[in-house]
Amino acid sequence: MHNRRSLRLFSALGLAAMLAAGTLTTTLAANPAGWGATLASAPADVSLGDYEGFVATFTNSGPSNISQLYAMADDATGATFVSATPSQGTCNDFGPLLCNLGAVPAGTIENPTVVTIKAVYLAPSSGQSSSLVVNFNTTGTPNDKKGRSHGDAIPTNVATTDLCQSNRDCAGRWVNSDTLKTVFTDPNFSNRNQHSTQINSPVTGIGVSAQDLPGSAFDCPTQAEGKCFGQWSDLSVNFGQPYPQGFTVLLGLSHFEVPNTINLDNLNFVHLNPDGTFLENITATCEFGNGNDQPPTNMPCKIVSQTTNGDFFGLLWLTKNGPARGW
């Protein structure tokens, strides 16, 4: 009897200690270890009324298997559902977003099992931003040894797309088809719009954005000899990741922003990393060893032209994102 009372007392004290330390509470409240869900907007800035994209990513690094994974979401704020493409399983052809993603076996921390959804919406024609949350829901595998994968809910973070209020200095879209690959800010020069940027997306199924920023947005690096002029064209293709195959950017520089000393022979461009640090000077003229239907053999490079009224255009072949400017 004495031993039983001591055992009960010991158990009660142990339980109290675990509760005080938060150990038991954490164990019961936590999602199964190794499950995670994130959401990213693509691009982060999109033109009013244009396509916007969101990429949801679910990871299972174990220890539990998932026999069925589902995803659902209300429509993005003010936006209209267009389509969703999952890496496995199927999604509704109509809104709101609803996907049956099938089984997701347990991976490892080093090699997790990953499922993605690329959801496309038509951005609202007014407002400042558009936001979305995707909710993943699971059904566990019967007799799963870990026994912790039955009916869990794993929501993503909130992803927000900022809406460009004017196309003069900001443009972006989710490239949803081969006929909608060109993204450009206002190409009509004036005293109020002395700069334009056009990006030709290399592929569909990615986000592309361009912003024309004032010269004060980034420092002119010493590698450009302190001779930068005009606005910065801030470029983002495919989440800002490098694209080794190359993509083209057409920078328009009005004669209002080009110094008198600049001509076709000495117009160069400085290119920064997305964080504003120096990346490269673009001084080489593009060389096409395999014909003009193929990327140049010497990217990054430029092809410069000038209009009769003195405006310059620089067609740049790039492999990386980030701000670019004349010098």
C-alpha atoms as a PDB file:
ATOM      1  CA  MET A   1       0.000   0.000   0.000  1.00  0.00           C
ATOM      2  CA  HIS A   2       2.788   2.350   0.931  1.00  0.00           C
ATOM      3  CA  ASN A   3       4.541   1.646  -2.377  1.00  0.00           C
ATOM      4  CA  ARG A   4       1.359   2.365  -4.348  1.00  0.00           C
ATOM      5  CA  ARG A   5       0.840   5.718  -2.565  1.00  0.00           C
ATOM      6  CA  SER A   6       4.474   6.614  -3.261  1.00  0.00           C
ATOM      7  CA  LEU A   7       4.063   5.707  -6.935  1.00  0.00           C
ATOM      8  CA  ARG A   8       0.932   7.839  -7.247  1.00  0.00           C
ATOM      9  CA  LEU A   9       2.655  10.739  -5.508  1.00  0.00           C
ATOM     10  CA  PHE A  10       5.724  10.402  -7.722  1.00  0.00           C
ATOM     11  CA  SER A  11       3.528  10.331 -10.853  1.00  0.00           C
ATOM     12  CA  ALA A  12       1.599  13.409  -9.740  1.00  0.00           C
ATOM     13  CA  LEU A  13       4.790  15.299  -8.980  1.00  0.00           C
ATOM     14  CA  GLY A  14       6.282  14.272 -12.336  1.00  0.00           C
ATOM     15  CA  LEU A  15       3.167  15.406 -14.205  1.00  0.00           C
ATOM     16  CA  ALA A  16       3.191  18.737 -12.378  1.00  0.00           C
ATOM     17  CA  ALA A  17       6.847  19.228 -13.251  1.00  0.00           C
ATOM     18  CA  MET A  18       6.214  18.535 -16.926  1.00  0.00           C
ATOM     19  CA  LEU A  19       3.282  20.935 -16.980  1.00  0.00           C
ATOM     20  CA  ALA A  20       5.342  23.630 -15.280  1.00  0.00           C
ATOM     21  CA  ALA A  21       8.110  23.172 -17.838  1.00  0.00           C
ATOM     22  CA  GLY A  22       5.623  23.163 -20.706  1.00  0.00           C
ATOM     23  CA  THR A  23       6.874  19.785 -21.898  1.00  0.00           C
ATOM     24  CA  LEU A  24       3.578  17.936 -21.961  1.00  0.00           C
ATOM     25  CA  THR A  25       1.624  20.908 -23.323  1.00  0.00           C
ATOM     26  CA  THR A  26       4.106  21.349 -26.184  1.00  0.00           C
ATOM     27  CA  THR A  27       3.972  17.666 -27.082  1.00  0.00           C
ATOM     28  CA  LEU A  28       0.187  17.580 -27.248  1.00  0.00           C
ATOM     29  CA  ALA A  29      -0.297  20.897 -29.074  1.00  0.00           C
ATOM     30  CA  ALA A  30       2.397  20.654 -31.715  1.00  0.00           C
ATOM     31  CA  ASN A  31       1.832  19.561 -35.311  1.00  0.00           C
ATOM     32  CA  PRO A  32       3.523  16.304 -36.307  1.00  0.00           C
ATOM     33  CA  ALA A  33       7.264  16.855 -36.484  1.00  0.00           C
ATOM     34  CA  GLY A  34       8.588  17.632 -39.904  1.00  0.00           C
ATOM     35  CA  TRP A  35       5.396  18.988 -41.490  1.00  0.00           C
ATOM     36  CA  GLY A  36       5.405  22.517 -42.832  1.00  0.00           C
ATOM     37  CA  ALA A  37       3.552  24.777 -45.249  1.00  0.00           C
ATOM     38  CA  THR A  38       4.579  28.091 -46.790  1.00  0.00           C
ATOM     39  CA  LEU A  39       3.087  30.488 -49.339  1.00  0.00           C
ATOM     40  CA  ALA A  40       4.806  33.051 -51.552  1.00  0.00           C
ATOM     41  CA  SER A  41       3.400  35.622 -53.953  1.00  0.00           C
ATOM     42  CA  ALA A  42       4.769  35.630 -57.496  1.00  0.00           C
ATOM     43  CA  PRO A  43       5.495  38.369 -58.259  1.00  0.00           C
ATOM     44  CA  ALA A  44       5.387  40.537 -55.144  1.00  0.00           C
ATOM     45  CA  ASP A  45       4.102  43.464 -57.229  1.00  0.00           C
ATOM     46  CA  VAL A  46       1.477  43.102 -59.949  1.00  0.00           C
ATOM     47  CA  SER A  47      -0.376  45.497 -62.237  1.00  0.00           C
ATOM     48  CA  LEU A  48      -3.976  46.296 -61.415  1.00  0.00           C
ATOM     49  CA  GLY A  49      -6.318  43.799 -63.058  1.00  0.00           C
ATOM     50  CA  ASP A  50      -3.472  41.552 -64.248  1.00  0.00           C
ATOM     51  CA  TYR A  51      -2.607  37.966 -63.316  1.00  0.00           C
ATOM     52  CA  GLU A  52      -1.109  37.321 -59.894  1.00  0.00           C
ATOM     53  CA  GLY A  53       0.347  34.049 -58.702  1.00  0.00           C
ATOM     54  CA  PHE A  54       0.809  32.296 -55.373  1.00  0.00           C
ATOM     55  CA  VAL A  55       3.027  29.252 -54.849  1.00  0.00           C
ATOM     56  CA  ALA A  56       2.111  27.041 -51.896  1.00  0.00           C
ATOM     57  CA  THR A  57       4.680  24.497 -50.698  1.00  0.00           C
ATOM     58  CA  PHE A  58       4.013  21.583 -48.328  1.00  0.00           C
ATOM     59  CA  THR A  59       6.890  19.519 -46.927  1.00  0.00           C
ATOM     60  CA  ASN A  60       6.871  16.211 -45.069  1.00  0.00           C
ATOM     61  CA  SER A  61      10.218  15.348 -43.516  1.00  0.00           C
ATOM     62  CA  GLY A  62       8.735  12.616 -41.347  1.00  0.00           C
ATOM     63  CA  PRO A  63       8.212  10.630 -39.297  1.00  0.00           C
ATOM     64  CA  SER A  64       4.543  10.163 -40.288  1.00  0.00           C
ATOM     65  CA  ASN A  65       3.112   9.284 -43.686  1.00  0.00           C
ATOM     66  CA  ILE A  66       0.049  11.053 -45.096  1.00  0.00           C
ATOM     67  CA  SER A  67      -2.467   8.971 -47.014  1.00  0.00           C
ATOM     68  CA  GLN A  68      -4.386  11.991 -48.341  1.00  0.00           C
ATOM     69  CA  LEU A  69      -3.400  15.651 -48.422  1.00  0.00           C
ATOM     70  CA  TYR A  70      -5.921  18.345 -49.267  1.00  0.00           C
ATOM     71  CA  ALA A  71      -5.592  22.096 -49.813  1.00  0.00           C
ATOM     72  CA  MET A  72      -8.227  24.777 -49.839  1.00  0.00           C
ATOM     73  CA  ALA A  73      -8.445  28.555 -49.723  1.00  0.00           C
ATOM     74  CA  ASP A  74     -10.919  31.355 -49.996  1.00  0.00           C
ATOM     75  CA  ASP A  75     -10.368  33.649 -52.966  1.00  0.00           C
ATOM     76  CA  ALA A  76      -7.522  36.097 -52.548  1.00  0.00           C
ATOM     77  CA  THR A  77      -8.746  39.453 -51.307  1.00  0.00           C
ATOM     78  CA  GLY A  78     -10.648  41.106 -54.143  1.00  0.00           C
ATOM     79  CA  ALA A  79      -9.186  38.678 -56.695  1.00  0.00           C
ATOM     80  CA  THR A  80     -10.802  36.070 -58.931  1.00  0.00           C
ATOM     81  CA  PHE A  81      -9.591  32.461 -59.077  1.00  0.00           C
ATOM     82  CA  VAL A  82      -8.272  31.451 -62.512  1.00  0.00           C
ATOM     83  CA  SER A  83      -6.457  28.123 -62.192  1.00  0.00           C
ATOM     84  CA  ALA A  84      -4.252  25.964 -59.986  1.00  0.00           C
ATOM     85  CA  THR A  85      -1.547  23.515 -61.020  1.00  0.00           C
ATOM     86  CA  PRO A  86      -0.331  21.016 -58.398  1.00  0.00           C
ATOM     87  CA  SER A  87       2.876  18.989 -58.597  1.00  0.00           C
ATOM     88  CA  GLN A  88       0.735  15.908 -57.892  1.00  0.00           C
ATOM     89  CA  GLY A  89      -2.980  15.192 -57.610  1.00  0.00           C
ATOM     90  CA  THR A  90      -5.725  17.474 -58.956  1.00  0.00           C
ATOM     91  CA  CYS A  91      -7.270  20.894 -58.268  1.00  0.00           C
ATOM     92  CA  ASN A  92     -10.682  22.379 -59.075  1.00  0.00           C
ATOM     93  CA  ASP A  93     -11.141  24.027 -62.455  1.00  0.00           C
ATOM     94  CA  PHE A  94     -13.240  26.689 -60.735  1.00  0.00           C
ATOM     95  CA  GLY A  95     -12.936  28.683 -57.523  1.00  0.00           C
ATOM     96  CA  PRO A  96     -12.449  28.683 -54.683  1.00  0.00           C
ATOM     97  CA  LEU A  97      -9.188  26.751 -54.552  1.00  0.00           C
ATOM     98  CA  LEU A  98      -9.671  23.077 -53.634  1.00  0.00           C
ATOM     99  CA  CYS A  99      -7.078  20.361 -54.309  1.00  0.00           C
ATOM    100  CA  ASN A 100      -6.830  16.621 -53.610  1.00  0.00           C
ATOM    101  CA  LEU A 101      -3.094  16.016 -53.575  1.00  0.00           C
ATOM    102  CA  GLY A 102      -2.999  12.301 -52.759  1.00  0.00           C
ATOM    103  CA  ALA A 103      -0.497  10.478 -50.579  1.00  0.00           C
ATOM    104  CA  VAL A 104       2.591  12.204 -49.213  1.00  0.00           C
ATOM    105  CA  PRO A 105       5.032   9.679 -47.752  1.00  0.00           C
ATOM    106  CA  ALA A 106       7.414  10.671 -45.007  1.00  0.00           C
ATOM    107  CA  GLY A 107      10.735  12.030 -46.150  1.00  0.00           C
ATOM    108  CA  THR A 108      13.686  13.060 -44.043  1.00  0.00           C
ATOM    109  CA  ILE A 109      15.044  16.387 -42.853  1.00  0.00           C
ATOM    110  CA  GLU A 110      17.779  16.081 -45.472  1.00  0.00           C
ATOM    111  CA  ASN A 111      15.407  14.929 -48.223  1.00  0.00           C
ATOM    112  CA  PRO A 112      11.787  15.908 -47.459  1.00  0.00           C
ATOM    113  CA  THR A 113       8.834  14.997 -49.659  1.00  0.00           C
ATOM    114  CA  VAL A 114       7.618  18.234 -51.293  1.00  0.00           C
ATOM    115  CA  VAL A 115       4.267  19.081 -52.862  1.00  0.00           C
ATOM    116  CA  THR A 116       3.632  22.432 -54.559  1.00  0.00           C
ATOM    117  CA  ILE A 117       0.603  24.276 -55.916  1.00  0.00           C
ATOM    118  CA  LYS A 118       0.826  27.202 -58.338  1.00  0.00           C
ATOM    119  CA  ALA A 119      -2.434  29.137 -57.958  1.00  0.00           C
ATOM    120  CA  VAL A 120      -3.284  31.933 -60.401  1.00  0.00           C
ATOM    121  CA  TYR A 121      -5.747  34.748 -59.723  1.00  0.00           C
ATOM    122  CA  LEU A 122      -6.909  37.803 -61.616  1.00  0.00           C
ATOM    123  CA  ALA A 123      -5.869  40.751 -59.477  1.00  0.00           C
ATOM    124  CA  PRO A 124      -8.483  43.345 -58.535  1.00  0.00           C
ATOM    125  CA  SER A 125      -8.725  46.529 -60.582  1.00  0.00           C
ATOM    126  CA  SER A 126      -8.569  48.695 -57.456  1.00  0.00           C
ATOM    127  CA  GLY A 127      -7.118  48.514 -53.961  1.00  0.00           C
ATOM    128  CA  GLN A 128      -3.646  48.429 -52.485  1.00  0.00           C
ATOM    129  CA  SER A 129      -2.972  44.731 -52.018  1.00  0.00           C
ATOM    130  CA  SER A 130      -4.319  41.199 -52.370  1.00  0.00           C
ATOM    131  CA  SER A 131      -3.740  38.500 -49.748  1.00  0.00           C
ATOM    132  CA  LEU A 132      -4.180  34.734 -49.532  1.00  0.00           C
ATOM    133  CA  VAL A 133      -3.850  31.878 -47.011  1.00  0.00           C
ATOM    134  CA  VAL A 134      -3.881  28.213 -48.086  1.00  0.00           C
ATOM    135  CA  ASN A 135      -5.035  25.591 -45.585  1.00  0.00           C
ATOM    136  CA  PHE A 136      -3.613  22.076 -45.895  1.00  0.00           C
ATOM    137  CA  ASN A 137      -5.507  19.190 -44.268  1.00  0.00           C
ATOM    138  CA  THR A 138      -4.316  15.626 -43.830  1.00  0.00           C
ATOM    139  CA  THR A 139      -5.668  12.132 -43.360  1.00  0.00           C
ATOM    140  CA  GLY A 140      -3.262   9.669 -41.796  1.00  0.00           C
ATOM    141  CA  THR A 141      -2.211   6.187 -42.839  1.00  0.00           C
ATOM    142  CA  PRO A 142      -3.955   3.399 -40.858  1.00  0.00           C
ATOM    143  CA  ASN A 143      -1.608   1.661 -38.413  1.00  0.00           C
ATOM    144  CA  ASP A 144       1.026   4.342 -38.924  1.00  0.00           C
ATOM    145  CA  LYS A 145       3.647   3.526 -36.292  1.00  0.00           C
ATOM    146  CA  LYS A 146       3.834   7.142 -35.209  1.00  0.00           C
ATOM    147  CA  GLY A 147       0.050   7.434 -35.043  1.00  0.00           C
ATOM    148  CA  ARG A 148       0.047  11.223 -35.374  1.00  0.00           C
ATOM    149  CA  SER A 149      -1.213  11.901 -38.899  1.00  0.00           C
ATOM    150  CA  HIS A 150      -4.988  11.800 -38.611  1.00  0.00           C
ATOM    151  CA  GLY A 151      -6.895  14.952 -39.489  1.00  0.00           C
ATOM    152  CA  ASP A 152      -4.273  17.626 -38.907  1.00  0.00           C
ATOM    153  CA  ALA A 153      -4.654  21.182 -40.252  1.00  0.00           C
ATOM    154  CA  ILE A 154      -1.539  23.046 -41.381  1.00  0.00           C
ATOM    155  CA  PRO A 155      -2.183  26.612 -42.624  1.00  0.00           C
ATOM    156  CA  THR A 156       0.381  28.608 -44.575  1.00  0.00           C
ATOM    157  CA  ASN A 157       1.526  32.094 -43.744  1.00  0.00           C
ATOM    158  CA  VAL A 158      -0.339  35.038 -45.251  1.00  0.00           C
ATOM    159  CA  ALA A 159       1.120  35.997 -48.654  1.00  0.00           C
ATOM    160  CA  THR A 160       0.409  39.483 -49.989  1.00  0.00           C
ATOM    161  CA  THR A 161       0.719  40.938 -53.470  1.00  0.00           C
ATOM    162  CA  ASP A 162       1.083  44.705 -53.701  1.00  0.00           C
ATOM    163  CA  LEU A 163      -0.927  46.268 -56.525  1.00  0.00           C
ATOM    164  CA  CYS A 164       0.805  48.818 -58.749  1.00  0.00           C
ATOM    165  CA  GLN A 165      -1.325  51.957 -58.668  1.00  0.00           C
ATOM    166  CA  SER A 166       0.093  53.269 -61.953  1.00  0.00           C
ATOM    167  CA  ASN A 167       1.876  51.600 -64.846  1.00  0.00           C
ATOM    168  CA  ARG A 168       4.216  54.552 -65.179  1.00  0.00           C
ATOM    169  CA  ASP A 169       6.830  53.108 -62.840  1.00  0.00           C
ATOM    170  CA  CYS A 170       5.584  49.656 -61.852  1.00  0.00           C
ATOM    171  CA  ALA A 171       4.376  46.586 -63.735  1.00  0.00           C
ATOM    172  CA  GLY A 172       4.153  42.896 -62.932  1.00  0.00           C
ATOM    173  CA  ARG A 173       2.244  39.717 -63.647  1.00  0.00           C
ATOM    174  CA  TRP A 174       2.221  35.992 -63.274  1.00  0.00           C
ATOM    175  CA  VAL A 175       3.123  34.805 -66.773  1.00  0.00           C
ATOM    176  CA  ASN A 176       0.165  32.554 -67.418  1.00  0.00           C
ATOM    177  CA  SER A 177       0.515  31.879 -71.136  1.00  0.00           C
ATOM    178  CA  ASP A 178       2.901  32.194 -74.058  1.00  0.00           C
ATOM    179  CA  THR A 179       1.017  35.255 -75.319  1.00  0.00           C
ATOM    180  CA  LEU A 180       1.439  37.220 -72.082  1.00  0.00           C
ATOM    181  CA  LYS A 181       5.194  37.105 -71.594  1.00  0.00           C
ATOM    182  CA  THR A 182       5.976  40.819 -71.930  1.00  0.00           C
ATOM    183  CA  VAL A 183       5.871  42.982 -68.803  1.00  0.00           C
ATOM    184  CA  PHE A 184       6.548  46.708 -69.170  1.00  0.00           C
ATOM    185  CA  THR A 185       6.170  50.045 -67.459  1.00  0.00           C
ATOM    186  CA  ASP A 186       4.803  53.002 -69.421  1.00  0.00           C
ATOM    187  CA  PRO A 187       6.811  53.177 -72.684  1.00  0.00           C
ATOM    188  CA  ASN A 188       5.594  56.696 -73.582  1.00  0.00           C
ATOM    189  CA  PHE A 189       8.272  59.217 -72.675  1.00  0.00           C
ATOM    190  CA  SER A 190       7.467  62.657 -71.276  1.00  0.00           C
ATOM    191  CA  ASN A 191       8.803  65.097 -68.694  1.00  0.00           C
ATOM    192  CA  ARG A 192       6.931  63.043 -66.095  1.00  0.00           C
ATOM    193  CA  ASN A 193       8.022  59.654 -67.454  1.00  0.00           C
ATOM    194  CA  GLN A 194      11.651  59.726 -68.481  1.00  0.00           C
ATOM    195  CA  HIS A 195      12.312  56.018 -68.156  1.00  0.00           C
ATOM    196  CA  SER A 196      10.723  52.729 -69.195  1.00  0.00           C
ATOM    197  CA  THR A 197      11.451  49.050 -68.568  1.00  0.00           C
ATOM    198  CA  GLN A 198      10.315  46.015 -70.514  1.00  0.00           C
ATOM    199  CA  ILE A 199      11.059  42.418 -69.514  1.00  0.00           C
ATOM    200  CA  ASN A 200      10.424  39.519 -71.856  1.00  0.00           C
ATOM    201  CA  SER A 201       9.785  36.509 -69.652  1.00  0.00           C
ATOM    202  CA  PRO A 202      11.846  33.451 -70.622  1.00  0.00           C
ATOM    203  CA  VAL A 203       9.104  30.924 -69.730  1.00  0.00           C
ATOM    204  CA  THR A 204       5.504  30.655 -68.581  1.00  0.00           C
ATOM    205  CA  GLY A 205       4.537  29.726 -65.046  1.00  0.00           C
ATOM    206  CA  ILE A 206       6.677  32.326 -63.250  1.00  0.00           C
ATOM    207  CA  GLY A 207       6.240  35.795 -61.804  1.00  0.00           C
ATOM    208  CA  VAL A 208       7.863  38.810 -63.460  1.00  0.00           C
ATOM    209  CA  SER A 209       7.956  42.414 -62.270  1.00  0.00           C
ATOM    210  CA  ALA A 210       9.699  45.654 -63.193  1.00  0.00           C
ATOM    211  CA  GLN A 211       9.896  48.886 -61.222  1.00  0.00           C
ATOM    212  CA  ASP A 212      11.424  52.172 -62.295  1.00  0.00           C
ATOM    213  CA  LEU A 213      12.983  53.650 -59.164  1.00  0.00           C
ATOM    214  CA  PRO A 214      14.644  57.060 -58.663  1.00  0.00           C
ATOM    215  CA  GLY A 215      18.403  57.322 -58.815  1.00  0.00           C
ATOM    216  CA  SER A 216      18.525  57.782 -55.046  1.00  0.00           C
ATOM    217  CA  ALA A 217      17.056  54.299 -54.455  1.00  0.00           C
ATOM    218  CA  PHE A 218      20.508  52.677 -54.719  1.00  0.00           C
ATOM    219  CA  ASP A 219      24.032  54.054 -54.563  1.00  0.00           C
ATOM    220  CA  CYS A 220      26.015  54.257 -57.771  1.00  0.00           C
ATOM    221  CA  PRO A 221      28.902  51.834 -57.118  1.00  0.00           C
ATOM    222  CA  THR A 222      32.536  52.876 -57.470  1.00  0.00           C
ATOM    223  CA  GLN A 223      32.902  50.233 -60.202  1.00  0.00           C
ATOM    224  CA  ALA A 224      30.732  52.477 -62.410  1.00  0.00           C
ATOM    225  CA  GLU A 225      33.052  55.409 -61.731  1.00  0.00           C
ATOM    226  CA  GLY A 226      30.268  57.371 -60.059  1.00  0.00           C
ATOM    227  CA  LYS A 227      28.777  58.272 -63.445  1.00  0.00           C
ATOM    228  CA  CYS A 228      25.357  56.643 -63.155  1.00  0.00           C
ATOM    229  CA  PHE A 229      22.444  58.538 -64.643  1.00  0.00           C
ATOM    230  CA  GLY A 230      18.713  58.101 -65.033  1.00  0.00           C
ATOM    231  CA  GLN A 231      16.420  55.885 -63.011  1.00  0.00           C
ATOM    232  CA  TRP A 232      17.039  52.369 -61.775  1.00  0.00           C
ATOM    233  CA  SER A 233      15.149  49.522 -63.435  1.00  0.00           C
ATOM    234  CA  ASP A 234      14.562  46.993 -60.655  1.00  0.00           C
ATOM    235  CA  LEU A 235      14.108  43.577 -62.293  1.00  0.00           C
ATOM    236  CA  SER A 236      12.626  40.421 -60.824  1.00  0.00           C
ATOM    237  CA  VAL A 237      12.156  37.182 -62.765  1.00  0.00           C
ATOM    238  CA  ASN A 238      11.261  33.830 -61.198  1.00  0.00           C
ATOM    239  CA  PHE A 239      11.448  34.879 -57.511  1.00  0.00           C
ATOM    240  CA  GLY A 240      14.638  36.778 -58.227  1.00  0.00           C
ATOM    241  CA  GLN A 241      16.570  33.577 -58.911  1.00  0.00           C
ATOM    242  CA  PRO A 242      19.298  33.451 -61.578  1.00  0.00           C
ATOM    243  CA  TYR A 243      18.196  32.265 -64.998  1.00  0.00           C
ATOM    244  CA  PRO A 244      21.322  30.930 -66.810  1.00  0.00           C
ATOM    245  CA  GLN A 245      19.486  30.537 -70.139  1.00  0.00           C
ATOM    246  CA  GLY A 246      19.139  34.315 -70.298  1.00  0.00           C
ATOM    247  CA  PHE A 247      16.266  36.779 -70.577  1.00  0.00           C
ATOM    248  CA  THR A 248      15.962  40.169 -72.268  1.00  0.00           C
ATOM    249  CA  VAL A 249      15.310  43.571 -70.734  1.00  0.00           C
ATOM    250  CA  LEU A 250      14.656  46.690 -72.822  1.00  0.00           C
ATOM    251  CA  LEU A 251      15.644  49.854 -70.954  1.00  0.00           C
ATOM    252  CA  GLY A 252      14.290  53.065 -72.403  1.00  0.00           C
ATOM    253  CA  LEU A 253      16.128  56.264 -71.508  1.00  0.00           C
ATOM    254  CA  SER A 254      14.489  59.517 -72.501  1.00  0.00           C
ATOM    255  CA  HIS A 255      16.765  62.252 -73.806  1.00  0.00           C
ATOM    256  CA  PHE A 256      15.640  64.207 -70.714  1.00  0.00           C
ATOM    257  CA  GLU A 257      17.698  61.880 -68.464  1.00  0.00           C
ATOM    258  CA  VAL A 258      20.738  61.178 -70.680  1.00  0.00           C
ATOM    259  CA  PRO A 259      23.825  63.454 -70.330  1.00  0.00           C
ATOM    260  CA  ASN A 260      25.022  65.255 -73.461  1.00  0.00           C
ATOM    261  CA  THR A 261      28.288  63.312 -73.363  1.00  0.00           C
ATOM    262  CA  ILE A 262      26.537  59.957 -73.931  1.00  0.00           C
ATOM    263  CA  ASN A 263      26.334  58.437 -77.409  1.00  0.00           C
ATOM    264  CA  LEU A 264      25.873  55.015 -79.002  1.00  0.00           C
ATOM    265  CA  ASP A 265      29.537  54.166 -78.494  1.00  0.00           C
ATOM    266  CA  ASN A 266      29.859  54.913 -74.773  1.00  0.00           C
ATOM    267  CA  LEU A 267      26.429  54.085 -73.331  1.00  0.00           C
ATOM    268  CA  ASN A 268      26.955  51.325 -70.781  1.00  0.00           C
ATOM    269  CA  PHE A 269      24.871  49.895 -67.952  1.00  0.00           C
ATOM    270  CA  VAL A 270      25.609  49.034 -64.342  1.00  0.00           C
ATOM    271  CA  HIS A 271      23.824  46.050 -62.787  1.00  0.00           C
ATOM    272  CA  LEU A 272      23.413  45.456 -59.054  1.00  0.00           C
ATOM    273  CA  ASN A 273      22.475  42.444 -56.981  1.00  0.00           C
ATOM    274  CA  PRO A 274      18.917  42.538 -55.589  1.00  0.00           C
ATOM    275  CA  ASP A 275      20.329  43.770 -52.254  1.00  0.00           C
ATOM    276  CA  GLY A 276      21.945  46.777 -53.968  1.00  0.00           C
ATOM    277  CA  THR A 277      25.569  45.581 -53.950  1.00  0.00           C
ATOM    278  CA  PHE A 278      27.590  45.720 -57.158  1.00  0.00           C
ATOM    279  CA  LEU A 279      27.140  42.819 -59.584  1.00  0.00           C
ATOM    280  CA  GLU A 280      28.557  43.785 -62.975  1.00  0.00           C
ATOM    281  CA  ASN A 281      29.149  46.473 -65.575  1.00  0.00           C
ATOM    282  CA  ILE A 282      27.524  45.698 -68.902  1.00  0.00           C
ATOM    283  CA  THR A 283      29.820  47.049 -71.584  1.00  0.00           C
ATOM    284  CA  ALA A 284      30.060  44.257 -74.173  1.00  0.00           C
ATOM    285  CA  THR A 285      28.001  44.252 -77.357  1.00  0.00           C
ATOM    286  CA  CYS A 286      26.040  41.020 -77.773  1.00  0.00           C
ATOM    287  CA  GLU A 287      27.573  38.390 -80.028  1.00  0.00           C
ATOM    288  CA  PHE A 288      25.364  35.722 -81.584  1.00  0.00           C
ATOM    289  CA  GLY A 289      27.491  32.759 -82.499  1.00  0.00           C
ATOM    290  CA  ASN A 290      24.480  30.494 -83.126  1.00  0.00           C
ATOM    291  CA  GLY A 291      22.231  32.933 -84.948  1.00  0.00           C
ATOM    292  CA  ASN A 292      19.928  35.676 -83.671  1.00  0.00           C
ATOM    293  CA  ASP A 293      17.254  33.176 -82.625  1.00  0.00           C
ATOM    294  CA  GLN A 294      19.571  31.894 -79.876  1.00  0.00           C
ATOM    295  CA  PRO A 295      20.883  33.694 -76.755  1.00  0.00           C
ATOM    296  CA  PRO A 296      24.178  35.567 -77.172  1.00  0.00           C
ATOM    297  CA  THR A 297      27.366  33.725 -76.419  1.00  0.00           C
ATOM    298  CA  ASN A 298      28.655  36.500 -74.128  1.00  0.00           C
ATOM    299  CA  MET A 299      25.848  37.266 -71.638  1.00  0.00           C
ATOM    300  CA  PRO A 300      25.480  39.710 -69.974  1.00  0.00           C
ATOM    301  CA  CYS A 301      25.653  42.016 -72.963  1.00  0.00           C
ATOM    302  CA  LYS A 302      23.864  44.932 -74.653  1.00  0.00           C
ATOM    303  CA  ILE A 303      22.512  46.168 -77.978  1.00  0.00           C
ATOM    304  CA  VAL A 304      22.105  49.952 -78.001  1.00  0.00           C
ATOM    305  CA  SER A 305      19.961  52.039 -80.360  1.00  0.00           C
ATOM    306  CA  GLN A 306      18.874  55.682 -80.568  1.00  0.00           C
ATOM    307  CA  THR A 307      15.749  57.324 -81.950  1.00  0.00           C
ATOM    308  CA  THR A 308      15.678  60.443 -84.111  1.00  0.00           C
ATOM    309  CA  ASN A 309      14.652  62.616 -81.150  1.00  0.00           C
ATOM    310  CA  GLY A 310      17.591  61.469 -79.026  1.00  0.00           C
ATOM    311  CA  ASP A 311      16.012  58.777 -76.841  1.00  0.00           C
ATOM    312  CA  PHE A 312      18.166  55.693 -76.163  1.00  0.00           C
ATOM    313  CA  PHE A 313      17.189  52.051 -75.839  1.00  0.00           C
ATOM    314  CA  GLY A 314      19.399  49.377 -74.385  1.00  0.00           C
ATOM    315  CA  LEU A 315      18.431  45.772 -75.063  1.00  0.00           C
ATOM    316  CA  LEU A 316      20.169  43.800 -72.322  1.00  0.00           C
ATOM    317  CA  TRP A 317      20.645  40.041 -72.229  1.00  0.00           C
ATOM    318  CA  LEU A 318      20.900  39.086 -68.557  1.00  0.00           C
ATOM    319  CA  THR A 319      21.096  35.936 -66.467  1.00  0.00           C
ATOM    320  CA  LYS A 320      20.453  37.569 -63.087  1.00  0.00           C
ATOM    321  CA  ASN A 321      17.976  39.969 -61.500  1.00  0.00           C
ATOM    322  CA  GLY A 322      18.479  43.237 -59.658  1.00  0.00           C
ATOM    323  CA  PRO A 323      18.544  46.981 -60.443  1.00  0.00           C
ATOM    324  CA  ALA A 324      20.152  48.269 -63.663  1.00  0.00           C
ATOM    325  CA  ARG A 325      20.936  51.837 -64.726  1.00  0.00           C
ATOM    326  CA  GLY A 326      22.817  53.762 -67.401  1.00  0.00           C
ATOM    327  CA  TRP A 327      26.375  55.047 -66.960  1.00  0.00           C
END
